[in-house]
Amino acid sequence: MGVKKTLALLISTAAIVSLAACGTSGASSKKSTTNTDDISFMLDWTANTNHVGVYVAQALGYYKAAGVNVSVLPTSQSGAETAVETGVADVGFTTLSNVAAVDSQGSHLKFVYDLTQKQVARWCSLASRTDITTPKDFDGKTFVTFGSAEQTAVLKQMIKTAGGTGKFNTATVGTSTFQTLTNGKGDFGGFYETWEGVESKLNGPKLTCFVASDWGVPGNPDQLGFAVNSTWEKTHKSTLQKFISATTKGYNYALRHPQKAADILVKQAADANLDTTLTRASMKTIVEGKYWGNPADLGVTDLTAAQKYLTFLWKNGVYTNDGVKAANPPQASDLASNDYAAAAHR
């Protein structure tokens, strides 16, 4: 959680190979022999409802109509950010805070599409842990983590706001955060309300969860969407616009027809073996909870909320290069662009 690229470590080699059926492996955009622009899109995790707009656009012919051929790539062990920076993929699913982190270390990524308009992250313990009723109770306990300075900063703030000291231990996640908590090897962990939260409600175990913004963390920590290499972008603006416009139609369809979109995702990403009940319930949660906002919000980055969160992370020493803290906070207006989303809504 938090820095989603680390979730890729959960995926086995077999899963990575099987997901490749969704598209061909990395290649930069180019003109095909049919005058269709080629573009590659890398997932950040196994296929799930965060990616449904891409699969819907593919299945319903929105990309074909826009004149773009999209290859969906499985996530890599190094993460979508590295793949985009090195040209293995043209577009990657990531977070704005991840873009800020890698750019502070010399990368050149730009956030060009913000899917989530509302916090989806939850910090949870098993509901059976009756000794945990507020984030203060995380003090001195063990956090199940993939390792992230961002997560640490967020949790310390939440605990301190609740009246604790902000000190906790960490344990590396095992097969899954659910399993690690159930096995007693950790006390709390990070989950996404629109996927693992839904899974918990459907199948258990039940969770007690907290939202960062309720406990002193400013802005929106969960701006998930698309990033590109800013150098690549300069020569592929038209191709990128076609992709984003068609993808926005896919997400719009998902908002209007959540159950049909869920079924399309399950079918299109067959090798991910998604559970239909979970996928449908996830889409229902997304729509009813307005996690993507209204149709007009699709793709638009709230720069004010973003800046508040990035400045918070900077103050807490998250952005460094070779151990040296950045002199100034990352600027959301430099890292993110709303131009493509705006054009997609015209």
Protein backbone atom coordinates (compact mmCIF):
# COMPACT_ATOMS: atom_id res chain seq x y z
CA MET A 1 0.00 0.00 0.00
CA GLY A 2 1.05 3.63 -0.30
CA VAL A 3 3.77 3.08 -2.88
CA LYS A 4 2.01 0.63 -5.16
CA LYS A 5 4.96 -0.43 -7.21
CA THR A 6 6.13 -2.50 -4.26
CA LEU A 7 2.98 -4.57 -4.52
CA ALA A 8 4.50 -6.06 -7.66
CA LEU A 9 6.74 -8.11 -5.41
CA LEU A 10 3.68 -10.19 -4.56
CA ILE A 11 3.26 -11.38 -8.11
CA SER A 12 4.86 -14.68 -9.02
CA THR A 13 6.80 -15.19 -12.22
CA ALA A 14 3.95 -17.33 -13.50
CA ALA A 15 1.46 -14.53 -13.00
CA ILE A 16 3.71 -12.10 -14.81
CA VAL A 17 4.03 -14.43 -17.77
CA SER A 18 0.30 -15.17 -17.89
CA LEU A 19 -0.68 -11.50 -17.80
CA ALA A 20 1.38 -10.93 -20.92
CA ALA A 21 -1.56 -12.32 -22.87
CA CYS A 22 -3.17 -8.89 -22.42
CA GLY A 23 -0.62 -7.35 -24.78
CA THR A 24 2.86 -7.53 -26.19
CA SER A 25 5.93 -6.66 -24.18
CA GLY A 26 7.33 -3.13 -24.07
CA ALA A 27 7.82 -0.98 -27.07
CA SER A 28 7.78 2.76 -27.54
CA SER A 29 4.99 4.34 -29.58
CA LYS A 30 5.30 4.25 -33.35
CA LYS A 31 3.16 4.30 -36.46
CA SER A 32 2.02 0.83 -37.53
CA THR A 33 1.53 -0.17 -41.13
CA THR A 34 -2.22 0.57 -40.78
CA ASN A 35 -1.62 4.20 -39.75
CA THR A 36 -2.60 3.36 -36.19
CA ASP A 37 -0.49 4.70 -33.34
CA ASP A 38 0.94 2.04 -31.05
CA ILE A 39 1.20 2.65 -27.32
CA SER A 40 2.06 0.39 -24.39
CA PHE A 41 0.46 0.62 -20.96
CA MET A 42 1.97 -1.06 -17.88
CA LEU A 43 -0.08 -2.19 -14.91
CA ASP A 44 1.06 -1.48 -11.37
CA TRP A 45 -0.34 -4.70 -9.90
CA THR A 46 -2.48 -7.59 -11.09
CA ALA A 47 -5.39 -6.43 -13.23
CA ASN A 48 -8.21 -5.00 -11.10
CA THR A 49 -10.96 -2.41 -11.21
CA ASN A 50 -8.46 0.47 -11.18
CA HIS A 51 -7.60 -0.60 -14.73
CA VAL A 52 -11.15 -1.30 -15.94
CA GLY A 53 -11.29 1.73 -18.25
CA VAL A 54 -8.37 0.41 -20.29
CA TYR A 55 -9.91 -3.04 -20.71
CA VAL A 56 -13.34 -1.61 -21.53
CA ALA A 57 -11.87 0.74 -24.13
CA GLN A 58 -10.05 -2.21 -25.65
CA ALA A 59 -13.10 -4.50 -25.68
CA LEU A 60 -15.62 -1.94 -26.97
CA GLY A 61 -13.41 -0.63 -29.75
CA TYR A 62 -12.78 2.84 -28.34
CA TYR A 63 -9.05 2.57 -29.04
CA LYS A 64 -9.62 1.33 -32.56
CA ALA A 65 -11.99 4.21 -33.25
CA ALA A 66 -9.41 6.67 -31.89
CA GLY A 67 -6.69 5.24 -34.11
CA VAL A 68 -4.51 3.81 -31.36
CA ASN A 69 -3.36 0.24 -30.72
CA VAL A 70 -2.82 -0.41 -27.00
CA SER A 71 -0.66 -3.19 -25.58
CA VAL A 72 -1.32 -3.89 -21.88
CA LEU A 73 1.85 -5.02 -20.13
CA PRO A 74 2.12 -6.92 -16.84
CA THR A 75 3.85 -5.08 -14.05
CA SER A 76 7.58 -5.55 -13.72
CA GLN A 77 9.54 -6.34 -10.58
CA SER A 78 11.18 -2.92 -10.82
CA GLY A 79 7.80 -1.17 -11.03
CA ALA A 80 5.91 0.78 -13.67
CA GLU A 81 7.85 3.95 -12.87
CA THR A 82 11.18 2.43 -13.88
CA ALA A 83 9.63 0.85 -16.96
CA VAL A 84 8.31 4.22 -18.13
CA GLU A 85 11.54 6.03 -17.31
CA THR A 86 13.60 3.52 -19.32
CA GLY A 87 11.20 3.26 -22.26
CA VAL A 88 10.04 -0.30 -21.61
CA ALA A 89 6.49 1.09 -21.41
CA ASP A 90 5.02 4.33 -22.72
CA VAL A 91 2.44 4.83 -19.97
CA GLY A 92 2.42 3.38 -16.48
CA PHE A 93 -0.17 3.19 -13.72
CA THR A 94 1.22 4.79 -10.57
CA THR A 95 0.61 7.55 -8.03
CA LEU A 96 1.50 11.21 -8.07
CA SER A 97 3.51 10.74 -4.87
CA ASN A 98 5.52 7.99 -6.59
CA VAL A 99 6.22 10.35 -9.49
CA ALA A 100 7.44 12.97 -7.01
CA ALA A 101 9.66 10.38 -5.30
CA VAL A 102 11.38 9.08 -8.43
CA ASP A 103 11.72 12.55 -9.96
CA SER A 104 13.46 13.75 -6.79
CA GLN A 105 16.07 11.09 -7.55
CA GLY A 106 16.64 12.15 -11.15
CA SER A 107 13.80 10.59 -13.16
CA HIS A 108 11.71 12.58 -15.62
CA LEU A 109 8.14 11.40 -15.19
CA LYS A 110 4.94 13.42 -15.55
CA PHE A 111 1.56 12.54 -14.07
CA VAL A 112 -1.00 12.98 -16.83
CA TYR A 113 -4.19 11.35 -15.52
CA ASP A 114 -5.64 11.13 -12.01
CA LEU A 115 -8.28 8.41 -11.70
CA THR A 116 -9.00 8.53 -7.98
CA GLN A 117 -10.60 11.67 -6.59
CA LYS A 118 -11.08 10.36 -3.05
CA GLN A 119 -8.84 8.48 -0.64
CA VAL A 120 -8.94 4.72 -1.15
CA ALA A 121 -6.18 3.72 1.29
CA ARG A 122 -7.08 2.31 4.67
CA TRP A 123 -4.82 1.46 7.59
CA CYS A 124 -6.30 -1.55 9.30
CA SER A 125 -6.02 -4.22 11.94
CA LEU A 126 -8.13 -7.34 12.24
CA ALA A 127 -11.47 -6.53 13.87
CA SER A 128 -10.74 -9.30 16.34
CA ARG A 129 -7.96 -7.12 17.78
CA THR A 130 -10.14 -5.34 20.32
CA ASP A 131 -7.04 -3.63 21.73
CA ILE A 132 -6.87 -1.45 18.60
CA THR A 133 -9.60 1.21 18.47
CA THR A 134 -7.72 4.29 17.18
CA PRO A 135 -4.37 4.85 15.39
CA LYS A 136 -2.88 5.60 18.82
CA ASP A 137 -3.10 1.87 19.47
CA PHE A 138 -0.65 1.23 16.60
CA ASP A 139 2.07 2.56 18.95
CA GLY A 140 4.63 -0.12 19.71
CA LYS A 141 2.95 -2.65 17.45
CA THR A 142 4.13 -4.23 14.19
CA PHE A 143 3.25 -2.76 10.82
CA VAL A 144 3.12 -5.22 7.90
CA THR A 145 4.86 -3.36 5.10
CA PHE A 146 6.59 -3.58 1.73
CA GLY A 147 8.90 -0.80 2.91
CA SER A 148 8.17 2.84 2.21
CA ALA A 149 9.25 6.18 3.67
CA GLU A 150 5.88 7.55 2.56
CA GLN A 151 3.95 4.95 4.55
CA THR A 152 6.09 5.61 7.61
CA ALA A 153 5.48 9.37 7.46
CA VAL A 154 1.73 8.90 7.08
CA LEU A 155 1.42 6.42 9.92
CA LYS A 156 3.58 8.45 12.31
CA GLN A 157 1.35 11.47 11.72
CA MET A 158 -1.83 9.45 12.24
CA ILE A 159 -0.55 7.94 15.47
CA LYS A 160 0.67 11.27 16.83
CA THR A 161 -2.63 12.96 15.97
CA ALA A 162 -4.41 10.23 17.91
CA GLY A 163 -2.19 10.90 20.93
CA GLY A 164 0.58 8.35 20.48
CA THR A 165 4.34 8.66 20.03
CA GLY A 166 4.46 7.44 16.43
CA LYS A 167 6.83 4.59 17.15
CA PHE A 168 6.14 1.17 15.68
CA ASN A 169 7.95 -1.91 14.44
CA THR A 170 7.84 -3.30 10.90
CA ALA A 171 7.59 -6.75 9.38
CA THR A 172 7.97 -7.65 5.72
CA VAL A 173 4.73 -8.87 4.20
CA GLY A 174 4.45 -12.58 3.51
CA THR A 175 2.13 -14.10 0.94
CA SER A 176 -0.46 -11.40 1.64
CA THR A 177 -1.15 -8.76 4.25
CA PHE A 178 -4.34 -10.58 5.23
CA GLN A 179 -2.42 -13.79 5.85
CA THR A 180 0.41 -12.06 7.70
CA LEU A 181 -2.05 -10.44 10.11
CA THR A 182 -4.02 -13.66 10.54
CA ASN A 183 -0.82 -15.58 11.31
CA GLY A 184 -0.01 -13.10 14.05
CA LYS A 185 3.24 -11.94 12.42
CA GLY A 186 1.98 -8.35 12.31
CA ASP A 187 -0.64 -6.13 13.96
CA PHE A 188 -1.76 -3.73 11.22
CA GLY A 189 -1.27 -3.05 7.53
CA GLY A 190 -2.41 -1.10 4.48
CA PHE A 191 -5.35 -1.96 2.25
CA TYR A 192 -7.36 -0.40 -0.57
CA GLU A 193 -11.03 0.08 0.27
CA THR A 194 -12.15 -0.56 -3.31
CA TRP A 195 -10.46 -3.97 -3.56
CA GLU A 196 -9.12 -5.57 -0.38
CA GLY A 197 -11.76 -3.72 1.65
CA VAL A 198 -14.45 -5.24 -0.56
CA GLU A 199 -12.81 -8.64 -0.31
CA SER A 200 -12.83 -8.34 3.48
CA LYS A 201 -16.54 -7.58 3.52
CA LEU A 202 -17.30 -10.48 1.19
CA ASN A 203 -15.02 -13.18 2.54
CA GLY A 204 -13.39 -11.90 5.72
CA PRO A 205 -11.46 -11.44 7.83
CA LYS A 206 -13.26 -8.35 9.11
CA LEU A 207 -11.13 -5.26 9.61
CA THR A 208 -10.98 -2.14 11.77
CA CYS A 209 -9.75 0.65 9.50
CA PHE A 210 -8.70 4.30 9.61
CA VAL A 211 -8.38 6.97 6.89
CA ALA A 212 -5.26 9.17 6.90
CA SER A 213 -7.11 12.46 6.38
CA ASP A 214 -9.17 11.81 9.52
CA TRP A 215 -5.96 11.70 11.54
CA GLY A 216 -3.89 14.73 10.58
CA VAL A 217 -2.57 13.89 7.11
CA PRO A 218 -3.33 16.79 4.71
CA GLY A 219 -4.40 16.66 1.09
CA ASN A 220 -5.13 13.52 -0.90
CA PRO A 221 -2.52 10.77 -0.45
CA ASP A 222 -4.17 8.51 -3.01
CA GLN A 223 -3.95 10.14 -6.42
CA LEU A 224 -3.65 7.06 -8.64
CA GLY A 225 -3.39 7.31 -12.39
CA PHE A 226 -1.08 7.45 -15.39
CA ALA A 227 2.47 8.71 -15.79
CA VAL A 228 4.69 9.11 -18.84
CA ASN A 229 8.31 10.02 -19.46
CA SER A 230 8.29 13.78 -20.03
CA THR A 231 10.86 13.44 -22.82
CA TRP A 232 8.73 10.82 -24.61
CA GLU A 233 5.66 13.01 -24.13
CA LYS A 234 7.13 15.89 -26.11
CA THR A 235 7.12 13.86 -29.32
CA HIS A 236 3.98 11.76 -28.69
CA LYS A 237 1.35 14.26 -27.54
CA SER A 238 -1.14 13.26 -30.22
CA THR A 239 -0.81 9.54 -29.47
CA LEU A 240 -1.11 10.14 -25.75
CA GLN A 241 -4.21 12.29 -26.25
CA LYS A 242 -5.86 9.57 -28.32
CA PHE A 243 -5.09 7.03 -25.61
CA ILE A 244 -6.37 9.21 -22.76
CA SER A 245 -9.52 10.28 -24.60
CA ALA A 246 -10.45 6.70 -25.46
CA THR A 247 -9.57 5.47 -21.96
CA THR A 248 -11.73 8.19 -20.43
CA LYS A 249 -14.63 6.83 -22.50
CA GLY A 250 -13.84 3.43 -21.00
CA TYR A 251 -13.98 4.74 -17.44
CA ASN A 252 -17.14 6.71 -18.24
CA TYR A 253 -18.74 3.50 -19.46
CA ALA A 254 -17.68 1.80 -16.22
CA LEU A 255 -19.34 4.53 -14.15
CA ARG A 256 -22.57 4.21 -16.12
CA HIS A 257 -22.54 0.40 -16.41
CA PRO A 258 -20.47 -0.87 -13.46
CA GLN A 259 -21.63 -4.49 -13.60
CA LYS A 260 -21.14 -4.80 -17.35
CA ALA A 261 -17.71 -3.18 -17.03
CA ALA A 262 -16.77 -5.62 -14.27
CA ASP A 263 -17.71 -8.56 -16.50
CA ILE A 264 -15.67 -7.10 -19.36
CA LEU A 265 -12.65 -6.82 -17.05
CA VAL A 266 -13.00 -10.41 -15.88
CA LYS A 267 -13.21 -11.64 -19.47
CA GLN A 268 -10.49 -9.42 -20.95
CA ALA A 269 -8.03 -10.13 -18.12
CA ALA A 270 -8.86 -13.83 -18.02
CA ASP A 271 -5.36 -14.89 -17.00
CA ALA A 272 -5.64 -12.82 -13.82
CA ASN A 273 -8.41 -15.20 -12.68
CA LEU A 274 -10.50 -12.41 -11.19
CA ASP A 275 -13.48 -13.38 -9.08
CA THR A 276 -16.64 -12.06 -10.73
CA THR A 277 -18.44 -11.43 -7.44
CA LEU A 278 -15.48 -9.48 -6.03
CA THR A 279 -15.00 -7.50 -9.24
CA ARG A 280 -18.67 -6.57 -9.45
CA ALA A 281 -18.75 -5.60 -5.78
CA SER A 282 -15.62 -3.49 -6.26
CA MET A 283 -17.21 -1.57 -9.12
CA LYS A 284 -20.37 -1.07 -7.04
CA THR A 285 -18.25 0.34 -4.20
CA ILE A 286 -16.36 2.67 -6.56
CA VAL A 287 -19.54 4.11 -8.06
CA GLU A 288 -21.55 4.42 -4.85
CA GLY A 289 -18.59 5.83 -2.92
CA LYS A 290 -17.70 8.24 -5.76
CA TYR A 291 -14.04 7.24 -5.49
CA TRP A 292 -13.56 8.41 -9.08
CA GLY A 293 -15.74 11.45 -8.51
CA ASN A 294 -18.23 12.42 -11.21
CA PRO A 295 -17.70 11.73 -14.93
CA ALA A 296 -16.36 15.28 -15.42
CA ASP A 297 -13.68 14.60 -12.79
CA LEU A 298 -12.11 11.64 -14.60
CA GLY A 299 -8.42 12.23 -15.13
CA VAL A 300 -8.29 15.61 -13.41
CA THR A 301 -5.62 16.11 -10.73
CA ASP A 302 -6.64 18.28 -7.79
CA LEU A 303 -3.40 20.26 -7.64
CA THR A 304 -4.29 21.97 -4.37
CA ALA A 305 -4.88 18.70 -2.52
CA ALA A 306 -1.81 17.23 -4.19
CA GLN A 307 0.44 20.08 -3.07
CA LYS A 308 -0.70 19.82 0.54
CA TYR A 309 0.23 16.15 0.63
CA LEU A 310 3.54 16.52 -1.22
CA THR A 311 4.59 19.33 1.12
CA PHE A 312 3.67 17.17 4.11
CA LEU A 313 5.86 14.35 2.80
CA TRP A 314 8.73 16.75 2.09
CA LYS A 315 8.58 18.16 5.62
CA ASN A 316 8.85 14.61 6.89
CA GLY A 317 11.99 13.88 4.86
CA VAL A 318 10.47 11.56 2.29
CA TYR A 319 12.04 13.22 -0.76
CA THR A 320 15.78 12.65 -0.83
CA ASN A 321 18.54 12.02 -3.31
CA ASP A 322 21.54 10.02 -2.05
CA GLY A 323 20.32 10.61 1.48
CA VAL A 324 20.12 14.40 1.09
CA LYS A 325 16.71 15.98 1.66
CA ALA A 326 15.37 18.02 -1.24
CA ALA A 327 15.81 21.75 -0.68
CA ASN A 328 12.19 22.48 -1.58
CA PRO A 329 8.96 20.47 -1.72
CA PRO A 330 8.00 18.95 -5.09
CA GLN A 331 5.54 21.15 -6.96
CA ALA A 332 2.34 19.45 -8.06
CA SER A 333 1.91 21.97 -10.87
CA ASP A 334 5.26 20.88 -12.33
CA LEU A 335 4.70 17.15 -11.83
CA ALA A 336 1.14 16.86 -13.11
CA SER A 337 -0.73 18.05 -16.19
CA ASN A 338 -4.50 18.34 -16.64
CA ASP A 339 -4.25 19.21 -20.32
CA TYR A 340 -5.02 15.71 -21.59
CA ALA A 341 -7.97 15.16 -19.26
CA ALA A 342 -9.39 18.56 -20.17
CA ALA A 343 -9.18 17.73 -23.87
CA ALA A 344 -10.79 14.34 -23.28
CA HIS A 345 -13.85 16.02 -21.78
CA ARG A 346 -14.41 18.47 -24.64
